[in-house]
C-alpha cells in the first residue's frame, strides 16, 4: 500500500515537472519569435 502511494506521488510530481518544462519551452519559443520579428523590423 505504502509503495503504491509513493509511486503515485512520484508519477504526479514527474507529470507536473513535465508540464512546467513544456510551458517553459513554449514561452521560450514565443520570446524567440518576438525577438526575431523585432530584429527583422530594426534591420529592415
C-alpha atoms as a PDB file:
ATOM      1  CA  UNK A   1       0.000   0.000   0.000  1.00  0.00           C
ATOM      2  CA  UNK A   2       2.717   2.440   1.005  1.00  0.00           C
ATOM      3  CA  UNK A   3       4.762   1.563  -2.081  1.00  0.00           C
ATOM      4  CA  UNK A   4       1.891   2.234  -4.471  1.00  0.00           C
ATOM      5  CA  UNK A   5       1.191   5.554  -2.742  1.00  0.00           C
ATOM      6  CA  UNK A   6       4.845   6.589  -3.129  1.00  0.00           C
ATOM      7  CA  UNK A   7       4.772   5.603  -6.801  1.00  0.00           C
ATOM      8  CA  UNK A   8       1.636   7.684  -7.328  1.00  0.00           C
ATOM      9  CA  UNK A   9       3.311  10.692  -5.724  1.00  0.00           C
ATOM     10  CA  UNK A  10       6.395  10.233  -7.934  1.00  0.00           C
ATOM     11  CA  UNK A  11       4.248   9.994 -11.079  1.00  0.00           C
ATOM     12  CA  UNK A  12       2.274  13.114 -10.187  1.00  0.00           C
ATOM     13  CA  UNK A  13       5.480  15.049  -9.453  1.00  0.00           C
ATOM     14  CA  UNK A  14       7.012  13.883 -12.738  1.00  0.00           C
ATOM     15  CA  UNK A  15       3.943  14.899 -14.733  1.00  0.00           C
ATOM     16  CA  UNK A  16       3.935  18.304 -13.005  1.00  0.00           C
ATOM     17  CA  UNK A  17       7.605  18.789 -13.902  1.00  0.00           C
ATOM     18  CA  UNK A  18       6.884  17.776 -17.497  1.00  0.00           C
ATOM     19  CA  UNK A  19       4.076  20.318 -17.681  1.00  0.00           C
ATOM     20  CA  UNK A  20       6.366  23.054 -16.333  1.00  0.00           C
ATOM     21  CA  UNK A  21       9.106  22.226 -18.844  1.00  0.00           C
ATOM     22  CA  UNK A  22       6.574  22.217 -21.703  1.00  0.00           C
ATOM     23  CA  UNK A  23       5.276  25.612 -20.591  1.00  0.00           C
ATOM     24  CA  UNK A  24       8.835  26.967 -20.361  1.00  0.00           C
ATOM     25  CA  UNK A  25       9.670  25.679 -23.850  1.00  0.00           C
ATOM     26  CA  UNK A  26       6.517  27.255 -25.262  1.00  0.00           C
ATOM     27  CA  UNK A  27       7.365  30.588 -23.598  1.00  0.00           C
ATOM     28  CA  UNK A  28      10.964  30.424 -24.871  1.00  0.00           C
ATOM     29  CA  UNK A  29       9.750  29.765 -28.428  1.00  0.00           C
ATOM     30  CA  UNK A  30       7.314  32.673 -28.144  1.00  0.00           C
ATOM     31  CA  UNK A  31      10.065  35.031 -26.917  1.00  0.00           C
ATOM     32  CA  UNK A  32      12.413  33.871 -29.687  1.00  0.00           C
ATOM     33  CA  UNK A  33       9.744  34.589 -32.308  1.00  0.00           C
ATOM     34  CA  UNK A  34       9.179  38.096 -30.900  1.00  0.00           C
ATOM     35  CA  UNK A  35      12.929  38.777 -30.843  1.00  0.00           C
ATOM     36  CA  UNK A  36      13.328  37.603 -34.448  1.00  0.00           C
ATOM     37  CA  UNK A  37      10.462  39.826 -35.574  1.00  0.00           C
ATOM     38  CA  UNK A  38      11.936  42.769 -33.637  1.00  0.00           C
ATOM     39  CA  UNK A  39      15.412  42.365 -35.152  1.00  0.00           C
ATOM     40  CA  UNK A  40      13.894  41.979 -38.630  1.00  0.00           C
ATOM     41  CA  UNK A  41      11.953  45.233 -38.226  1.00  0.00           C
ATOM     42  CA  UNK A  42      15.055  47.030 -36.892  1.00  0.00           C
ATOM     43  CA  UNK A  43      17.369  45.789 -39.647  1.00  0.00           C
ATOM     44  CA  UNK A  44      14.661  46.380 -42.243  1.00  0.00           C
END
